[in-house]
Amino acid sequence: MAFAAIAILVMAATSHSFAQTPRQITLEEAVELSLKNSKQLKLSQSNVDMAGLNIRQIKDNQLPSFGVSASYLRLNTPNINLKSGGESSGDSSGMSSLHVNQVMYGMASASVPLFSGFRYKYSLESARFLQEASRLDAEGDRQAIIQNAIMAYGNLYKAKRSVDLVAENLVREHERVTEFTNREKNGIIARNDLLKATLQESNVQLALMEAENDLKITTINMNLLLGLPEGTAIMADSSSFEVTKEAGNAMDWEQTALTHRKDMAAIAIRQKAAGSNIRVAKADFYPNVSLSGGYVALSIPGFVTVPNAFNAGIGVSYNLASLWKTGAKIEEAKTRLYQMKTNEEILLDRIHLEINTAYYNYVLSKKKIEVYEKAVEQASENYRITKNKYDNSLVTTTELLDADVAQVQSKINYAAAKADAIVAYKKLEQTAGVIN
């Protein structure tokens, strides 16, 4: 009976959350799937596409414009009196025979901008800078998604490891309760000791339920990131958390960030775009020159017909109001450039803080691994010694149970520390702009 109960507990502890066999997924696969199915990346790419369309619109504005129009008009019967120098209009018998009651005309016109005060040149230059900045923003989003996937992967590993360790502990607690029950029946131990062991088993059962609940939530989050069906059972590969790298030097990481951070490069590009926008604003000081041409056909039946009136020429326009209205536009453009430079200074301070925070968090996480590794050895040895003493009636049941709890907790902490160290190093890479 005892063996059957233990078997049931093992099956319940290890298979309660997922009826299907978990799919083991490596860290590299998790990152690849998260990038492939990221909605944020699709949105970022759409911003790059929008910037490209803006460039296309600016180029289209420099293409020749062409328009056609035609009209047919019905008129009443007007009185027509034509006068010309040197002739008397007294005899209007010829005019009285005219009956004009309709007019038809058609027009076609085309124009090509020749000069617009360098507005086209610098507008196109600014748009290209902004497209490059959007591309750099998308690269920054890509790195953030990689880090997010790694963090979720680490949480998945920690949640599954906690379930496994607590499940193993529950089996031991059940064995202890069975053993204590037999001892209590034979009068070897007091009933109070049995109650302590039973209470410990109940606490472990609660801990297992909480661990399984955390695993469910973590799995749902991971499936969303990877684009997998919600019911997919997945398991992290423990080998992904076995190797840690050297921390290096914080100053070196900061220098790497200054040359590799996408947001740093993007803000420098946006400063160039702001400089081009100042020149665009100054373009209002210049006249606009365009080449134009057209064709007109006119027909008034019984009166006049003009079938081939062509025209061509160069037009010049200048808005005198720009002399006193353009100054505010230029100052606005200069203010935007100043804001960009100030944002760059703010970003430099943030990079300095982020790099140092990520660096020292990684250094701490590596030290935690060493400490928890020793703690596992110490807790295991402490439990072994306490168990021997308990078997020889040298320590209390409470001490034995406390030693068991410390042993399990040390193993959970050690597993979490290894996962946290990998996540912390990748965070340092992301902060420096070199995560891949």
Protein backbone atom coordinates (compact mmCIF):
# COMPACT_ATOMS: atom_id res chain seq x y z
CA MET A 1 0.00 0.00 0.00
CA ALA A 2 2.79 2.41 0.88
CA PHE A 3 4.51 1.80 -2.47
CA ALA A 4 1.26 2.39 -4.35
CA ALA A 5 0.62 5.66 -2.52
CA ILE A 6 4.13 6.88 -3.30
CA ALA A 7 3.70 6.02 -6.97
CA ILE A 8 0.45 7.95 -7.11
CA LEU A 9 2.11 10.97 -5.51
CA VAL A 10 4.97 10.90 -7.99
CA MET A 11 2.59 10.74 -10.94
CA ALA A 12 0.43 13.54 -9.53
CA ALA A 13 3.43 15.74 -8.78
CA THR A 14 5.17 15.36 -12.10
CA SER A 15 2.20 15.12 -14.47
CA HIS A 16 -0.51 17.15 -12.80
CA SER A 17 0.03 20.26 -14.91
CA PHE A 18 0.54 18.71 -18.34
CA ALA A 19 -1.02 15.55 -19.71
CA GLN A 20 1.14 15.61 -22.83
CA THR A 21 4.88 15.02 -23.09
CA PRO A 22 6.62 18.41 -22.84
CA ARG A 23 8.46 19.60 -25.92
CA GLN A 24 12.05 20.42 -25.04
CA ILE A 25 13.17 23.65 -26.64
CA THR A 26 16.66 25.15 -26.66
CA LEU A 27 17.45 28.76 -25.88
CA GLU A 28 18.41 29.41 -29.50
CA GLU A 29 15.10 27.97 -30.74
CA ALA A 30 13.19 30.13 -28.27
CA VAL A 31 14.91 33.28 -29.50
CA GLU A 32 14.40 32.34 -33.15
CA LEU A 33 10.68 31.66 -32.67
CA SER A 34 10.16 34.84 -30.65
CA LEU A 35 11.72 36.92 -33.43
CA LYS A 36 9.71 35.14 -36.09
CA ASN A 37 6.38 35.61 -34.36
CA SER A 38 6.89 38.96 -32.64
CA LYS A 39 4.05 41.41 -33.26
CA GLN A 40 6.25 44.23 -31.99
CA LEU A 41 8.82 43.51 -34.72
CA LYS A 42 6.11 43.58 -37.37
CA LEU A 43 4.98 46.95 -36.06
CA SER A 44 8.58 48.23 -36.05
CA GLN A 45 9.04 47.09 -39.64
CA SER A 46 5.86 48.91 -40.63
CA ASN A 47 7.42 52.11 -39.26
CA VAL A 48 10.44 51.54 -41.50
CA ASP A 49 8.11 50.97 -44.45
CA MET A 50 6.24 54.18 -43.64
CA ALA A 51 9.51 56.11 -43.66
CA GLY A 52 10.29 54.61 -47.07
CA LEU A 53 6.89 55.70 -48.37
CA ASN A 54 7.61 59.23 -47.16
CA ILE A 55 10.74 59.24 -49.33
CA ARG A 56 8.67 58.03 -52.26
CA GLN A 57 6.13 60.81 -51.78
CA ILE A 58 8.87 63.45 -51.79
CA LYS A 59 10.28 62.05 -55.02
CA ASP A 60 6.82 61.88 -56.57
CA ASN A 61 6.34 65.58 -55.87
CA GLN A 62 9.23 66.31 -58.25
CA LEU A 63 7.65 64.41 -61.10
CA PRO A 64 5.78 66.37 -63.81
CA SER A 65 2.17 67.14 -62.97
CA PHE A 66 -0.39 66.80 -65.74
CA GLY A 67 -4.05 67.69 -65.76
CA VAL A 68 -6.89 67.74 -68.26
CA SER A 69 -10.35 69.32 -68.14
CA ALA A 70 -13.24 69.75 -70.53
CA SER A 71 -16.63 71.45 -70.37
CA TYR A 72 -19.78 71.69 -72.40
CA LEU A 73 -22.02 74.65 -71.58
CA ARG A 74 -25.53 75.50 -72.75
CA LEU A 75 -26.29 79.22 -73.04
CA ASN A 76 -29.30 81.41 -73.55
CA THR A 77 -29.43 83.50 -76.73
CA PRO A 78 -27.20 86.45 -75.84
CA ASN A 79 -26.95 89.81 -77.57
CA ILE A 80 -23.52 89.94 -79.20
CA ASN A 81 -22.06 93.33 -80.13
CA LEU A 82 -18.48 93.23 -81.39
CA LYS A 83 -16.60 96.51 -81.59
CA SER A 84 -13.26 97.22 -83.16
CA GLY A 85 -11.33 100.48 -83.72
CA GLY A 86 -12.16 102.47 -86.88
CA GLU A 87 -15.42 100.69 -87.60
CA SER A 88 -18.94 101.67 -86.74
CA SER A 89 -21.15 99.27 -84.95
CA GLY A 90 -24.26 100.89 -86.18
CA ASP A 91 -24.91 98.16 -88.72
CA SER A 92 -25.44 95.08 -86.67
CA SER A 93 -27.30 93.09 -89.27
CA GLY A 94 -24.40 90.62 -89.41
CA MET A 95 -24.37 90.16 -85.70
CA SER A 96 -28.09 89.63 -85.51
CA SER A 97 -27.69 86.46 -87.52
CA LEU A 98 -25.46 84.88 -84.82
CA HIS A 99 -27.18 82.41 -82.60
CA VAL A 100 -24.77 81.28 -79.84
CA ASN A 101 -26.36 78.82 -77.45
CA GLN A 102 -23.49 76.46 -76.54
CA VAL A 103 -19.78 76.55 -75.69
CA MET A 104 -17.28 73.67 -75.66
CA TYR A 105 -13.71 73.82 -74.52
CA GLY A 106 -10.94 71.50 -73.35
CA MET A 107 -7.67 72.18 -71.59
CA ALA A 108 -4.52 70.20 -70.83
CA SER A 109 -1.69 71.54 -68.70
CA ALA A 110 1.63 70.19 -67.45
CA SER A 111 4.31 71.61 -65.16
CA VAL A 112 7.72 70.49 -63.96
CA PRO A 113 9.34 72.10 -60.88
CA LEU A 114 12.81 73.37 -61.69
CA PHE A 115 13.84 75.07 -58.46
CA SER A 116 12.18 75.30 -55.05
CA GLY A 117 14.86 76.84 -52.90
CA PHE A 118 16.60 73.47 -52.28
CA ARG A 119 13.46 72.29 -50.47
CA TYR A 120 13.38 69.02 -52.42
CA LYS A 121 17.05 68.26 -51.80
CA TYR A 122 16.94 68.75 -48.05
CA SER A 123 13.47 67.24 -47.58
CA LEU A 124 14.70 64.10 -49.30
CA GLU A 125 17.87 64.14 -47.21
CA SER A 126 15.86 64.47 -43.97
CA ALA A 127 13.48 61.68 -44.99
CA ARG A 128 16.38 59.33 -45.69
CA PHE A 129 17.88 60.10 -42.30
CA LEU A 130 14.54 59.38 -40.62
CA GLN A 131 14.22 56.09 -42.51
CA GLU A 132 17.64 55.04 -41.24
CA ALA A 133 16.64 56.07 -37.71
CA SER A 134 13.48 53.96 -37.99
CA ARG A 135 15.58 51.00 -39.11
CA LEU A 136 17.85 51.46 -36.09
CA ASP A 137 14.78 51.65 -33.83
CA ALA A 138 13.62 48.34 -35.28
CA GLU A 139 17.04 46.83 -34.54
CA GLY A 140 16.77 48.07 -30.96
CA ASP A 141 13.31 46.51 -30.67
CA ARG A 142 14.73 43.27 -32.03
CA GLN A 143 17.38 43.20 -29.30
CA ALA A 144 14.76 43.91 -26.64
CA ILE A 145 12.67 41.00 -27.93
CA ILE A 146 15.68 38.70 -27.75
CA GLN A 147 16.28 39.71 -24.13
CA ASN A 148 12.60 39.29 -23.29
CA ALA A 149 12.61 35.78 -24.78
CA ILE A 150 15.73 34.85 -22.79
CA MET A 151 14.17 36.15 -19.58
CA ALA A 152 10.96 34.20 -20.20
CA TYR A 153 13.02 31.11 -21.01
CA GLY A 154 14.88 31.47 -17.70
CA ASN A 155 11.59 31.83 -15.83
CA LEU A 156 10.29 28.69 -17.53
CA TYR A 157 13.37 26.75 -16.45
CA LYS A 158 13.14 28.00 -12.86
CA ALA A 159 9.42 27.20 -12.65
CA LYS A 160 9.88 23.65 -13.97
CA ARG A 161 12.88 23.02 -11.73
CA SER A 162 10.91 24.19 -8.70
CA VAL A 163 8.07 21.81 -9.56
CA ASP A 164 10.49 18.87 -9.89
CA LEU A 165 12.32 19.57 -6.65
CA VAL A 166 9.16 20.17 -4.61
CA ALA A 167 7.60 17.03 -6.10
CA GLU A 168 10.63 14.99 -5.01
CA ASN A 169 10.37 16.52 -1.57
CA LEU A 170 6.67 15.63 -1.37
CA VAL A 171 7.50 11.98 -2.02
CA ARG A 172 9.99 12.04 0.86
CA GLU A 173 7.51 13.76 3.12
CA HIS A 174 4.89 11.11 2.36
CA GLU A 175 7.40 8.37 3.11
CA ARG A 176 8.23 10.09 6.39
CA VAL A 177 4.54 10.36 7.35
CA THR A 178 4.07 6.66 6.57
CA GLU A 179 7.13 5.80 8.65
CA PHE A 180 6.05 8.03 11.55
CA THR A 181 2.54 6.58 11.45
CA ASN A 182 3.93 3.08 11.97
CA ARG A 183 6.26 4.29 14.72
CA GLU A 184 3.46 6.10 16.49
CA LYS A 185 1.29 2.96 16.40
CA ASN A 186 4.14 1.01 17.96
CA GLY A 187 4.68 3.67 20.61
CA ILE A 188 8.17 4.55 19.41
CA ILE A 189 7.48 8.25 18.81
CA ALA A 190 4.99 10.69 20.26
CA ARG A 191 1.86 11.64 18.35
CA ASN A 192 3.06 15.23 18.30
CA ASP A 193 5.99 14.21 16.07
CA LEU A 194 3.58 12.53 13.66
CA LEU A 195 1.48 15.68 13.53
CA LYS A 196 4.57 17.76 12.74
CA ALA A 197 5.44 15.43 9.87
CA THR A 198 1.86 15.53 8.58
CA LEU A 199 1.83 19.32 8.74
CA GLN A 200 5.10 19.39 6.84
CA GLU A 201 3.60 17.18 4.13
CA SER A 202 0.61 19.53 3.82
CA ASN A 203 2.90 22.55 3.50
CA VAL A 204 4.88 20.84 0.75
CA GLN A 205 1.65 19.98 -1.06
CA LEU A 206 0.69 23.65 -0.98
CA ALA A 207 4.15 24.62 -2.19
CA LEU A 208 3.80 22.17 -5.08
CA MET A 209 0.43 23.63 -6.08
CA GLU A 210 1.92 27.12 -6.11
CA ALA A 211 4.91 25.94 -8.14
CA GLU A 212 2.64 24.21 -10.66
CA ASN A 213 0.50 27.33 -10.94
CA ASP A 214 3.61 29.43 -11.62
CA LEU A 215 4.66 26.92 -14.27
CA LYS A 216 1.28 27.15 -16.00
CA ILE A 217 1.41 30.94 -16.14
CA THR A 218 5.03 30.93 -17.29
CA THR A 219 4.23 28.39 -20.01
CA ILE A 220 1.31 30.46 -21.29
CA ASN A 221 3.55 33.53 -21.46
CA MET A 222 6.25 31.56 -23.25
CA ASN A 223 3.80 30.16 -25.79
CA LEU A 224 2.56 33.67 -26.54
CA LEU A 225 6.13 34.86 -27.13
CA LEU A 226 6.97 31.91 -29.37
CA GLY A 227 3.71 31.91 -31.30
CA LEU A 228 2.84 28.37 -30.16
CA PRO A 229 -0.66 27.09 -29.32
CA GLU A 230 -1.59 27.93 -25.74
CA GLY A 231 -1.90 24.30 -24.67
CA THR A 232 1.62 23.39 -25.81
CA ALA A 233 3.71 21.92 -22.99
CA ILE A 234 7.32 23.09 -23.33
CA MET A 235 10.43 22.51 -21.27
CA ALA A 236 13.66 24.49 -21.15
CA ASP A 237 16.97 22.78 -21.83
CA SER A 238 19.02 22.82 -18.62
CA SER A 239 22.30 22.79 -20.58
CA SER A 240 21.59 26.38 -21.64
CA PHE A 241 22.38 27.52 -18.09
CA GLU A 242 25.57 25.62 -17.42
CA VAL A 243 28.18 28.01 -18.86
CA THR A 244 28.80 31.50 -17.55
CA LYS A 245 31.15 34.05 -19.11
CA GLU A 246 33.64 36.47 -17.63
CA ALA A 247 32.20 39.81 -16.59
CA GLY A 248 35.02 41.89 -18.05
CA ASN A 249 35.30 45.57 -17.22
CA ALA A 250 32.42 48.03 -16.79
CA MET A 251 34.25 50.81 -18.68
CA ASP A 252 34.86 48.51 -21.65
CA TRP A 253 31.18 47.60 -21.72
CA GLU A 254 30.26 51.28 -21.68
CA GLN A 255 32.55 52.05 -24.61
CA THR A 256 30.98 49.15 -26.49
CA ALA A 257 27.54 50.59 -25.79
CA LEU A 258 28.50 54.00 -27.18
CA THR A 259 29.49 52.44 -30.50
CA HIS A 260 26.88 49.67 -30.75
CA ARG A 261 23.69 50.94 -29.11
CA LYS A 262 21.01 51.37 -31.76
CA ASP A 263 19.24 54.16 -29.89
CA MET A 264 22.53 56.06 -29.69
CA ALA A 265 23.01 55.74 -33.44
CA ALA A 266 19.36 56.61 -34.09
CA ILE A 267 19.50 59.85 -32.13
CA ALA A 268 22.66 60.89 -34.01
CA ILE A 269 20.84 60.24 -37.30
CA ARG A 270 17.83 62.23 -36.12
CA GLN A 271 20.12 65.16 -35.35
CA LYS A 272 21.22 65.13 -38.99
CA ALA A 273 17.56 65.05 -40.05
CA ALA A 274 16.86 68.04 -37.80
CA GLY A 275 19.75 69.91 -39.44
CA SER A 276 18.28 69.19 -42.86
CA ASN A 277 14.88 70.44 -41.68
CA ILE A 278 16.47 73.81 -40.83
CA ARG A 279 17.54 74.10 -44.47
CA VAL A 280 14.05 73.08 -45.57
CA ALA A 281 12.61 75.95 -43.53
CA LYS A 282 15.10 78.39 -45.08
CA ALA A 283 13.92 77.35 -48.55
CA ASP A 284 10.94 79.69 -48.14
CA PHE A 285 13.32 82.61 -48.67
CA TYR A 286 13.85 81.51 -52.29
CA PRO A 287 11.47 81.79 -55.27
CA ASN A 288 9.90 78.79 -56.94
CA VAL A 289 10.64 78.21 -60.62
CA SER A 290 8.78 75.75 -62.81
CA LEU A 291 8.48 74.84 -66.48
CA SER A 292 4.91 74.77 -67.72
CA GLY A 293 3.04 73.99 -70.91
CA GLY A 294 -0.54 73.56 -72.04
CA TYR A 295 -3.08 73.13 -74.78
CA VAL A 296 -6.51 74.75 -75.18
CA ALA A 297 -9.28 73.91 -77.63
CA LEU A 298 -12.34 76.15 -77.83
CA SER A 299 -15.48 75.84 -79.93
CA ILE A 300 -18.47 78.19 -80.02
CA PRO A 301 -20.57 76.91 -82.93
CA GLY A 302 -21.44 79.61 -85.40
CA PHE A 303 -19.04 82.09 -83.83
CA VAL A 304 -15.42 80.97 -83.23
CA THR A 305 -13.29 77.82 -83.20
CA VAL A 306 -9.79 77.58 -81.71
CA PRO A 307 -8.50 74.01 -82.26
CA ASN A 308 -4.77 74.27 -81.49
CA ALA A 309 -3.77 76.88 -78.93
CA PHE A 310 -0.51 75.62 -77.42
CA ASN A 311 1.50 77.42 -74.75
CA ALA A 312 4.82 76.88 -72.99
CA GLY A 313 6.99 78.90 -70.69
CA ILE A 314 8.74 79.33 -67.37
CA GLY A 315 6.91 80.52 -64.29
CA VAL A 316 8.44 82.23 -61.28
CA SER A 317 6.58 82.74 -58.01
CA TYR A 318 7.67 84.31 -54.77
CA ASN A 319 5.71 84.88 -51.60
CA LEU A 320 6.83 88.18 -50.09
CA ALA A 321 5.24 87.24 -46.77
CA SER A 322 7.93 84.59 -46.33
CA LEU A 323 10.35 87.41 -45.49
CA TRP A 324 8.67 87.90 -42.12
CA LYS A 325 6.92 84.56 -41.66
CA THR A 326 9.83 82.15 -42.23
CA GLY A 327 11.86 83.20 -39.20
CA ALA A 328 9.57 81.37 -36.76
CA LYS A 329 9.80 78.17 -38.83
CA ILE A 330 13.59 78.33 -38.78
CA GLU A 331 13.67 78.92 -35.04
CA GLU A 332 11.31 75.98 -34.51
CA ALA A 333 13.58 73.73 -36.56
CA LYS A 334 16.62 74.92 -34.59
CA THR A 335 14.79 74.22 -31.32
CA ARG A 336 14.08 70.66 -32.46
CA LEU A 337 17.78 70.20 -33.18
CA TYR A 338 18.58 71.50 -29.69
CA GLN A 339 16.10 69.02 -28.22
CA MET A 340 17.81 66.19 -30.09
CA LYS A 341 21.20 67.18 -28.70
CA THR A 342 19.75 67.41 -25.18
CA ASN A 343 18.14 63.99 -25.59
CA GLU A 344 21.54 62.64 -26.59
CA GLU A 345 23.03 63.92 -23.33
CA ILE A 346 20.18 62.35 -21.38
CA LEU A 347 20.72 59.08 -23.23
CA LEU A 348 24.44 59.12 -22.39
CA ASP A 349 23.61 59.39 -18.68
CA ARG A 350 21.07 56.58 -18.98
CA ILE A 351 23.54 54.34 -20.79
CA HIS A 352 26.12 54.92 -18.07
CA LEU A 353 23.60 53.92 -15.39
CA GLU A 354 22.20 50.95 -17.34
CA ILE A 355 25.63 49.53 -18.12
CA ASN A 356 26.82 49.74 -14.52
CA THR A 357 23.55 48.32 -13.21
CA ALA A 358 23.63 45.38 -15.63
CA TYR A 359 27.34 44.81 -15.02
CA TYR A 360 27.15 44.66 -11.24
CA ASN A 361 23.97 42.59 -11.36
CA TYR A 362 25.85 40.02 -13.44
CA VAL A 363 28.85 40.08 -11.10
CA LEU A 364 26.46 39.51 -8.19
CA SER A 365 24.66 36.68 -9.99
CA LYS A 366 27.95 34.85 -10.56
CA LYS A 367 28.83 35.16 -6.88
CA LYS A 368 25.39 33.84 -5.97
CA ILE A 369 26.05 30.69 -7.99
CA GLU A 370 29.20 30.02 -5.98
CA VAL A 371 27.42 30.68 -2.69
CA TYR A 372 24.37 28.56 -3.52
CA GLU A 373 26.54 25.72 -4.82
CA LYS A 374 28.26 25.56 -1.44
CA ALA A 375 24.88 25.96 0.27
CA VAL A 376 23.58 22.86 -1.53
CA GLU A 377 26.56 20.84 -0.30
CA GLN A 378 26.21 22.21 3.22
CA ALA A 379 22.44 21.71 3.36
CA SER A 380 22.73 18.13 2.05
CA GLU A 381 25.43 17.30 4.57
CA ASN A 382 23.47 19.01 7.34
CA TYR A 383 20.39 16.94 6.50
CA ARG A 384 22.43 13.72 6.44
CA ILE A 385 23.95 14.47 9.87
CA THR A 386 20.62 15.59 11.33
CA LYS A 387 18.95 12.42 10.03
CA ASN A 388 21.59 10.25 11.69
CA LYS A 389 21.19 12.16 14.92
CA TYR A 390 17.41 11.85 14.74
CA ASP A 391 17.68 8.11 14.20
CA ASN A 392 19.77 8.02 17.37
CA SER A 393 17.31 10.28 19.23
CA LEU A 394 19.81 13.13 19.50
CA VAL A 395 17.73 15.86 17.77
CA THR A 396 14.05 16.70 17.62
CA THR A 397 11.63 16.13 14.78
CA THR A 398 11.45 19.87 14.20
CA GLU A 399 15.19 20.03 13.57
CA LEU A 400 14.93 17.16 11.11
CA LEU A 401 12.11 18.82 9.20
CA ASP A 402 13.90 22.16 9.16
CA ALA A 403 17.01 20.50 7.73
CA ASP A 404 14.92 18.90 5.01
CA VAL A 405 13.32 22.22 4.06
CA ALA A 406 16.72 23.94 3.95
CA GLN A 407 18.05 21.21 1.66
CA VAL A 408 15.21 21.61 -0.85
CA GLN A 409 15.35 25.40 -0.76
CA SER A 410 19.09 25.42 -1.38
CA LYS A 411 18.61 23.31 -4.52
CA ILE A 412 15.86 25.62 -5.79
CA ASN A 413 18.04 28.67 -5.11
CA TYR A 414 20.99 27.11 -6.91
CA ALA A 415 18.93 26.30 -10.02
CA ALA A 416 17.47 29.80 -10.04
CA ALA A 417 20.90 31.39 -9.63
CA LYS A 418 22.25 29.61 -12.72
CA ALA A 419 19.31 30.77 -14.82
CA ASP A 420 19.52 34.30 -13.44
CA ALA A 421 23.21 34.51 -14.30
CA ILE A 422 22.59 33.74 -17.99
CA VAL A 423 19.73 36.23 -18.11
CA ALA A 424 21.88 38.87 -16.37
CA TYR A 425 24.72 38.40 -18.87
CA LYS A 426 22.35 38.70 -21.81
CA LYS A 427 20.92 41.82 -20.22
CA LEU A 428 24.45 43.22 -20.08
CA GLU A 429 24.89 42.39 -23.77
CA GLN A 430 21.57 44.01 -24.64
CA THR A 431 22.48 47.14 -22.68
CA ALA A 432 25.75 47.31 -24.62
CA GLY A 433 23.93 46.78 -27.92
CA VAL A 434 25.65 43.50 -28.81
CA ILE A 435 23.07 40.85 -27.89
CA ASN A 436 22.41 38.28 -30.60
